[in-house]
Protein backbone atom coordinates (compact mmCIF):
# COMPACT_ATOMS: atom_id res chain seq x y z
CA MET A 1 -36.88 -15.18 24.64
CA SER A 2 -38.98 -17.98 23.14
CA ASN A 3 -38.36 -19.27 19.67
CA ASP A 4 -41.77 -18.01 18.53
CA THR A 5 -40.84 -14.49 19.63
CA THR A 6 -37.44 -14.75 17.97
CA LEU A 7 -39.02 -16.01 14.75
CA SER A 8 -41.60 -13.22 14.67
CA SER A 9 -38.84 -10.61 14.93
CA ILE A 10 -37.13 -11.79 11.73
CA GLU A 11 -37.87 -9.68 8.66
CA THR A 12 -37.66 -10.61 5.02
CA ILE A 13 -36.08 -7.67 3.19
CA ASN A 14 -35.66 -7.08 -0.52
CA SER A 15 -33.42 -4.04 -0.24
CA ILE A 16 -30.74 -3.14 2.31
CA SER A 17 -31.08 0.61 2.77
CA GLY A 18 -31.50 3.34 5.37
CA ALA A 19 -32.11 2.13 8.91
CA THR A 20 -32.09 -1.47 7.69
CA ARG A 21 -28.54 -0.99 6.39
CA GLN A 22 -27.44 0.38 9.77
CA ARG A 23 -28.93 -2.62 11.60
CA TRP A 24 -27.44 -5.03 9.09
CA ASN A 25 -23.95 -3.58 9.32
CA SER A 26 -24.06 -3.30 13.13
CA ILE A 27 -24.59 -7.07 13.35
CA ILE A 28 -21.53 -7.62 11.15
CA ASP A 29 -19.44 -5.14 13.15
CA SER A 30 -20.26 -6.92 16.42
CA ASN A 31 -19.62 -10.45 15.18
CA VAL A 32 -16.10 -11.83 14.76
CA ASP A 33 -17.37 -14.16 12.01
CA GLY A 34 -18.59 -11.27 9.85
CA LEU A 35 -17.19 -11.46 6.31
CA VAL A 36 -17.01 -8.97 3.48
CA PHE A 37 -19.55 -11.26 1.77
CA HIS A 38 -22.01 -10.52 4.58
CA SER A 39 -21.73 -6.77 4.07
CA SER A 40 -24.66 -4.78 2.73
CA ALA A 41 -22.48 -3.31 -0.01
CA TRP A 42 -21.48 -6.75 -1.26
CA ASN A 43 -25.01 -8.14 -1.30
CA ASP A 44 -26.41 -5.02 -3.00
CA MET A 45 -23.68 -5.33 -5.62
CA ILE A 46 -24.35 -9.05 -6.26
CA ALA A 47 -28.09 -8.45 -6.67
CA ARG A 48 -27.43 -5.61 -9.11
CA CYS A 49 -24.77 -7.46 -11.10
CA TYR A 50 -26.78 -10.61 -11.74
CA SER A 51 -30.29 -9.13 -11.53
CA LEU A 52 -31.13 -11.46 -8.65
CA GLU A 53 -34.14 -11.28 -6.39
CA PRO A 54 -33.10 -10.74 -2.73
CA HIS A 55 -34.97 -12.43 0.10
CA HIS A 56 -32.56 -11.49 2.89
CA LEU A 57 -33.48 -12.31 6.48
CA LEU A 58 -32.71 -9.91 9.32
CA GLY A 59 -33.27 -10.41 13.05
CA SER A 60 -32.25 -8.45 16.11
CA ASP A 61 -28.87 -10.22 16.33
CA SER A 62 -28.74 -12.34 13.19
CA LEU A 63 -28.81 -12.13 9.42
CA LEU A 64 -28.85 -14.41 6.40
CA PRO A 65 -28.32 -13.17 2.84
CA LEU A 66 -30.61 -15.02 0.44
CA PHE A 67 -30.93 -14.72 -3.32
CA LEU A 68 -33.43 -16.39 -5.61
CA VAL A 69 -31.54 -17.59 -8.68
CA LYS A 70 -33.61 -18.53 -11.72
CA SER A 71 -31.39 -20.55 -14.02
CA PRO A 72 -32.94 -21.74 -17.31
CA LEU A 73 -30.61 -24.74 -17.12
CA PHE A 74 -30.74 -25.74 -13.44
CA GLY A 75 -34.03 -24.25 -12.29
CA ARG A 76 -34.77 -22.10 -9.24
CA LYS A 77 -32.67 -22.12 -6.09
CA LEU A 78 -32.33 -20.02 -2.94
CA THR A 79 -28.71 -19.42 -2.01
CA THR A 80 -26.77 -17.33 0.44
CA GLN A 81 -24.23 -16.50 -2.28
CA PRO A 82 -24.23 -17.34 -5.99
CA PHE A 83 -21.16 -18.77 -7.69
CA ASN A 84 -17.93 -19.24 -5.75
CA PHE A 85 -18.56 -16.96 -2.77
CA TYR A 86 -19.64 -17.78 0.76
CA GLY A 87 -21.24 -16.14 3.79
CA GLY A 88 -24.16 -17.91 5.41
CA VAL A 89 -25.84 -17.41 8.76
CA LEU A 90 -24.38 -14.74 11.03
CA SER A 91 -25.73 -14.98 14.56
CA THR A 92 -24.84 -14.97 18.25
CA SER A 93 -26.78 -18.02 19.42
CA ASP A 94 -28.20 -21.36 18.31
CA GLU A 95 -31.65 -20.03 19.18
CA SER A 96 -31.30 -17.23 16.64
CA VAL A 97 -29.85 -19.61 14.05
CA ARG A 98 -32.81 -21.94 14.57
CA ALA A 99 -35.28 -19.09 14.08
CA ILE A 100 -33.61 -17.74 10.96
CA ILE A 101 -33.34 -21.18 9.31
CA ASP A 102 -37.00 -21.76 10.17
CA LYS A 103 -37.84 -18.52 8.40
CA ALA A 104 -35.59 -19.44 5.47
CA ARG A 105 -37.48 -22.71 5.12
CA ASP A 106 -40.70 -20.73 4.76
CA VAL A 107 -39.14 -18.53 2.06
CA TRP A 108 -37.87 -21.63 0.27
CA LYS A 109 -41.41 -23.02 0.12
CA GLU A 110 -42.94 -19.68 -0.90
CA THR A 111 -40.50 -19.20 -3.79
CA ASN A 112 -40.96 -22.78 -5.03
CA ALA A 113 -37.19 -23.22 -5.30
CA ARG A 114 -35.74 -26.69 -5.84
CA TYR A 115 -33.50 -26.29 -2.83
CA LEU A 116 -32.16 -23.87 -0.23
CA GLU A 117 -28.36 -23.54 -0.04
CA ILE A 118 -26.58 -22.09 3.00
CA LYS A 119 -22.81 -21.59 2.55
CA ASN A 120 -21.37 -21.35 6.05
CA VAL A 121 -17.85 -20.94 7.31
CA ARG A 122 -18.72 -22.25 10.76
CA ALA A 123 -20.34 -25.66 11.16
CA LEU A 124 -23.91 -25.70 12.44
CA SER A 125 -24.66 -27.75 15.54
CA SER A 126 -25.59 -31.37 15.00
CA ASP A 127 -28.90 -30.69 16.75
CA LEU A 128 -29.86 -28.06 14.17
CA VAL A 129 -28.78 -30.30 11.28
CA LYS A 130 -30.96 -33.09 12.63
CA GLU A 131 -33.91 -30.83 13.48
CA PHE A 132 -34.17 -29.36 9.98
CA ASN A 133 -33.06 -32.52 8.19
CA LEU A 134 -30.28 -30.58 6.50
CA ILE A 135 -28.15 -32.24 3.85
CA GLU A 136 -24.48 -31.54 4.58
CA ARG A 137 -21.76 -30.99 1.99
CA SER A 138 -18.16 -29.77 2.24
CA PRO A 139 -16.90 -29.71 -1.36
CA VAL A 140 -14.49 -26.80 -0.93
CA VAL A 141 -12.04 -25.32 1.56
CA ARG A 142 -10.53 -21.90 2.16
CA TYR A 143 -7.02 -20.98 3.30
CA VAL A 144 -6.59 -18.18 5.84
CA VAL A 145 -3.03 -16.90 6.17
CA PRO A 146 -1.93 -15.22 9.44
CA LEU A 147 -0.04 -12.07 8.43
CA ARG A 148 1.98 -11.75 11.64
CA ALA A 149 3.17 -8.45 13.09
CA ARG A 150 6.59 -8.41 11.43
CA GLY A 151 7.88 -9.46 8.05
CA GLU A 152 10.50 -11.77 9.59
CA GLU A 153 7.80 -13.64 11.50
CA PHE A 154 5.72 -13.96 8.36
CA ASP A 155 8.66 -15.35 6.37
CA LYS A 156 9.24 -18.04 8.99
CA GLN A 157 5.76 -19.49 8.50
CA LEU A 158 6.38 -20.08 4.78
CA LYS A 159 7.59 -23.45 3.64
CA ARG A 160 11.39 -23.18 3.46
CA ARG A 161 11.73 -23.97 -0.24
CA PHE A 162 8.83 -21.68 -1.04
CA ARG A 163 10.42 -18.84 0.94
CA GLU A 164 13.66 -19.34 -0.98
CA LYS A 165 11.72 -19.41 -4.25
CA ILE A 166 9.99 -16.10 -3.48
CA HIS A 167 13.30 -14.42 -2.68
CA ARG A 168 14.78 -15.75 -5.92
CA LEU A 169 11.78 -14.58 -7.93
CA GLN A 170 11.98 -11.14 -6.35
CA ARG A 171 15.63 -10.84 -7.37
CA GLN A 172 14.78 -11.94 -10.92
CA ALA A 173 11.90 -9.48 -11.06
CA SER A 174 14.13 -6.64 -9.93
CA ALA A 175 16.78 -7.49 -12.53
CA ALA A 176 14.15 -7.67 -15.30
CA ASP A 177 12.44 -4.46 -14.10
CA LEU A 178 9.18 -6.26 -13.36
CA THR A 179 7.12 -3.87 -11.27
CA ILE A 180 3.98 -4.22 -9.15
CA HIS A 181 1.60 -1.36 -8.46
CA ASP A 182 -1.89 -0.88 -7.07
CA GLY A 183 -4.18 0.26 -9.87
CA GLY A 184 -6.93 1.10 -7.38
CA PRO A 185 -10.67 1.25 -8.09
CA LYS A 186 -10.69 3.94 -10.80
CA SER A 187 -8.22 2.69 -13.40
CA GLU A 188 -10.28 1.31 -16.28
CA THR A 189 -7.10 0.42 -18.17
CA SER A 190 -5.70 -1.68 -15.31
CA LEU A 191 -9.05 -3.40 -14.83
CA ARG A 192 -9.30 -4.22 -18.54
CA ASP A 193 -5.72 -5.54 -18.58
CA PHE A 194 -6.49 -7.75 -15.60
CA TYR A 195 -9.73 -8.97 -17.17
CA ASP A 196 -7.87 -10.07 -20.29
CA LEU A 197 -5.39 -12.02 -18.15
CA LEU A 198 -8.21 -13.62 -16.18
CA THR A 199 -10.14 -14.54 -19.34
CA ASP A 200 -7.11 -16.28 -20.81
CA GLU A 201 -6.32 -18.14 -17.58
CA TYR A 202 -9.90 -19.37 -17.24
CA LYS A 203 -9.91 -20.32 -20.92
CA PHE A 204 -6.64 -22.24 -21.14
CA LYS A 205 -5.96 -23.41 -17.58
CA HIS A 206 -9.33 -23.85 -15.88
CA LEU A 207 -11.45 -24.47 -19.00
CA MET A 208 -14.14 -22.15 -17.68
CA LEU A 209 -16.07 -19.06 -18.71
CA VAL A 210 -14.92 -15.88 -17.04
CA GLN A 211 -17.38 -13.81 -15.02
CA PRO A 212 -18.86 -10.78 -16.83
CA PHE A 213 -16.72 -7.65 -16.77
CA ARG A 214 -19.48 -5.71 -15.05
CA LEU A 215 -18.88 -7.77 -11.89
CA PHE A 216 -15.34 -6.43 -11.51
CA ARG A 217 -16.37 -2.88 -12.27
CA LEU A 218 -19.23 -3.03 -9.78
CA VAL A 219 -16.96 -4.42 -7.05
CA ALA A 220 -14.62 -1.48 -7.60
CA GLU A 221 -17.53 0.97 -7.47
CA ALA A 222 -19.12 -0.62 -4.38
CA PHE A 223 -15.84 -0.69 -2.38
CA PRO A 224 -13.78 2.32 -3.49
CA ASP A 225 -11.94 2.52 -0.16
CA LEU A 226 -11.40 -1.24 0.18
CA PHE A 227 -10.59 -2.22 -3.42
CA HIS A 228 -7.02 -3.06 -4.45
CA LEU A 229 -5.96 -4.16 -7.92
CA TYR A 230 -2.34 -5.23 -7.85
CA ILE A 231 -0.87 -5.39 -11.34
CA ALA A 232 2.55 -6.80 -12.30
CA LYS A 233 4.07 -5.29 -15.44
CA LEU A 234 7.02 -6.47 -17.50
CA ASN A 235 8.29 -4.19 -20.28
CA GLY A 236 5.12 -2.13 -19.90
CA LYS A 237 2.80 -5.10 -20.36
CA ALA A 238 0.51 -6.52 -17.67
CA VAL A 239 1.63 -10.07 -16.87
CA GLY A 240 -0.13 -10.75 -13.57
CA GLY A 241 -2.66 -9.34 -11.19
CA ALA A 242 -4.99 -9.85 -8.27
CA ILE A 243 -8.12 -8.16 -6.92
CA ILE A 244 -8.15 -7.80 -3.14
CA LEU A 245 -10.79 -6.37 -0.79
CA ARG A 246 -9.59 -5.15 2.62
CA PHE A 247 -12.41 -5.46 5.16
CA GLN A 248 -12.17 -5.35 8.96
CA LYS A 249 -8.50 -6.38 9.17
CA VAL A 250 -8.90 -9.17 6.63
CA ASP A 251 -7.66 -8.98 3.05
CA TYR A 252 -9.83 -11.11 0.74
CA TYR A 253 -8.20 -12.48 -2.40
CA LEU A 254 -11.07 -12.59 -4.88
CA TRP A 255 -9.43 -13.22 -8.26
CA GLY A 256 -5.94 -13.63 -9.61
CA ALA A 257 -4.32 -14.45 -12.94
CA PHE A 258 -1.04 -14.30 -14.82
CA ASP A 259 0.28 -14.56 -18.37
CA GLN A 260 1.28 -18.20 -18.84
CA LYS A 261 4.08 -17.09 -21.18
CA THR A 262 5.88 -15.44 -18.26
CA GLU A 263 5.65 -18.42 -15.95
CA GLU A 264 9.40 -18.28 -15.21
CA PHE A 265 8.71 -15.14 -13.15
CA SER A 266 5.63 -16.61 -11.39
CA PRO A 267 3.95 -13.18 -11.55
CA LEU A 268 0.96 -14.20 -9.43
CA THR A 269 3.24 -15.45 -6.65
CA LEU A 270 5.05 -12.10 -6.70
CA VAL A 271 1.76 -10.20 -6.70
CA LEU A 272 0.43 -12.13 -3.71
CA ALA A 273 3.68 -11.69 -1.80
CA GLU A 274 3.45 -7.93 -2.38
CA ALA A 275 -0.26 -7.87 -1.52
CA MET A 276 0.41 -9.65 1.77
CA ARG A 277 3.24 -7.27 2.60
CA ARG A 278 1.01 -4.24 2.01
CA ALA A 279 -1.86 -5.85 3.92
CA ARG A 280 0.41 -6.42 6.92
CA GLU A 281 1.66 -2.82 6.81
CA ALA A 282 -1.95 -1.57 6.63
CA GLY A 283 -2.80 -3.44 9.84
CA SER A 284 -4.64 -6.43 8.40
CA GLN A 285 -4.28 -9.55 10.52
CA THR A 286 -5.21 -12.28 8.04
CA PHE A 287 -5.22 -12.89 4.29
CA ASP A 288 -8.11 -15.01 3.00
CA LEU A 289 -6.93 -16.91 -0.09
CA GLY A 290 -10.48 -17.88 -0.98
CA VAL A 291 -12.30 -21.00 -2.11
CA THR A 292 -10.60 -24.09 -3.52
CA SER A 293 -12.10 -27.39 -4.60
CA ARG A 294 -10.85 -30.26 -2.43
CA SER A 295 -9.94 -32.15 -5.61
CA HIS A 296 -7.79 -29.32 -7.05
CA GLU A 297 -4.50 -30.66 -5.71
CA GLY A 298 -2.25 -28.15 -7.47
CA LEU A 299 -4.07 -25.06 -6.19
CA ASN A 300 -4.41 -26.52 -2.69
CA PHE A 301 -0.66 -27.15 -2.63
CA PHE A 302 0.10 -23.61 -3.78
CA LYS A 303 -2.13 -22.04 -1.14
CA SER A 304 -0.80 -24.29 1.62
CA ARG A 305 2.75 -23.03 1.00
CA TRP A 306 1.85 -19.62 2.39
CA GLY A 307 1.43 -21.11 5.85
CA GLY A 308 -2.31 -20.71 5.82
CA ILE A 309 -4.86 -22.54 7.93
CA CYS A 310 -7.06 -24.81 5.82
CA GLU A 311 -10.70 -24.46 6.85
CA PRO A 312 -13.57 -26.50 5.39
CA LEU A 313 -16.56 -24.54 4.18
CA ASN A 314 -19.78 -26.08 5.40
CA TYR A 315 -22.67 -26.12 2.94
CA TYR A 316 -26.18 -27.08 4.06
CA TYR A 317 -29.23 -27.83 1.94
CA LEU A 318 -32.97 -28.10 2.33
CA ALA A 319 -34.46 -30.13 -0.50
CA ASN A 320 -37.52 -32.29 -1.00
CA ASN A 321 -35.44 -34.68 -3.06
CA PRO A 322 -31.76 -35.29 -2.19
CA ASP A 323 -31.05 -35.66 -5.91
CA ASP A 324 -31.89 -31.96 -6.32
CA VAL A 325 -28.79 -31.01 -4.34
CA PRO A 326 -26.11 -30.05 -6.89
CA HIS A 327 -22.82 -31.78 -7.50
CA LEU A 328 -20.26 -29.09 -6.70
CA ASP A 329 -16.93 -30.46 -7.88
CA TYR A 330 -16.68 -27.98 -10.75
CA PHE A 331 -12.97 -28.62 -11.21
CA ASN A 332 -13.53 -32.18 -12.44
CA SER A 333 -16.98 -31.78 -14.04
CA PHE A 334 -17.35 -32.10 -17.83
CA ARG A 335 -13.62 -31.51 -18.40
CA THR A 336 -13.62 -33.24 -21.79
CA ALA A 337 -16.45 -31.08 -23.11
CA ARG A 338 -14.91 -27.96 -21.56
CA GLN A 339 -11.77 -28.42 -23.67
CA MET A 340 -13.70 -26.76 -26.50
CA ILE A 341 -13.46 -23.38 -24.80
CA LYS A 342 -9.76 -23.21 -25.72
CA PHE A 343 -10.75 -22.60 -29.33
CA VAL A 344 -13.10 -19.68 -28.63
CA PRO A 345 -11.51 -16.23 -29.16
CA ARG A 346 -11.00 -14.15 -26.02
CA ARG A 347 -13.28 -11.31 -27.09
CA MET A 348 -16.07 -13.71 -27.98
CA ILE A 349 -15.81 -15.30 -24.52
CA GLN A 350 -16.04 -11.87 -22.91
CA GLN A 351 -19.06 -10.97 -25.02
CA ILE A 352 -21.03 -14.15 -24.41
CA SER A 353 -20.15 -14.43 -20.72
CA PRO A 354 -22.95 -12.10 -19.49
CA LEU A 355 -25.47 -14.11 -21.51
CA VAL A 356 -24.33 -17.60 -20.58
CA ILE A 357 -23.34 -17.10 -16.95
CA ASN A 358 -26.94 -16.84 -15.72
CA TRP A 359 -27.74 -20.15 -17.37
CA LEU A 360 -25.00 -21.73 -15.27
CA ALA A 361 -25.83 -20.05 -11.96
């Protein structure tokens, strides 16, 4: 098939529904690189949550989610995923990738966006990078933990001191009656408790605004059969939690947080250990610990202790001016100014988050 024929078969779609949804999901099902972030349910949910304008591209054997983000602060951009998610081109051949990027370039020009951002797990070929004059970035990594068939095998892959620490924490948790349960997708109380923990962790530890609460509710609604909300409770109070999506034998760790006042129990470590145990028992083969800035040494160290494979995420940009490509080291950006967020009350942060977050997209 010629490239012209391949290009002409690529559609720009603004809504994934009906027969289009079936085609979209069949490509994901037949591709080992398909992620939950490629799924039609995820991309519908993201568009709805942030009121984004989809310009998704769909071919016979390839797809590329694309959203037009209109930020009053940073201008217009086309991106495969807003914020800290990823899932770029999904295809079976370089020919199809070439055609879909060619089409994406047309959409980029038509929408008058400052730049086009493709967040890939797999690296594109050097020929494609050169052909399209793509600007390459790799500001973040992800850790993918093999879950192994048996618990004993999984324990062996942990760093020895970390394995001993987990066993000690589990004994302490049992003695203190710290419990962990799955709140599931329908518990508003559990979701609110988790959101409070996450708000405080972002506020005091990461010096960042939390995502709007509607995002978490919409994820639960979009994935009722895949959504897991593991909550750790001590004396009836939520002290840690994590939101996990189980998709095609991969458990995706999306968000996690814990009460800093209960750090001696390391509630998030206990939650993740329990989540991985349940994932393994459910037949999942890997646990994706998600995106981490290369410069965030503490978080990288924590994730590495689970025996995960560190994989760079490969970001590619089309831009008329290289200076338009964003600086993506959020962890170290404006840290002095971000200290001010510590003094903003939790409820105020949660109220202003939906208003401010689109300015920062």
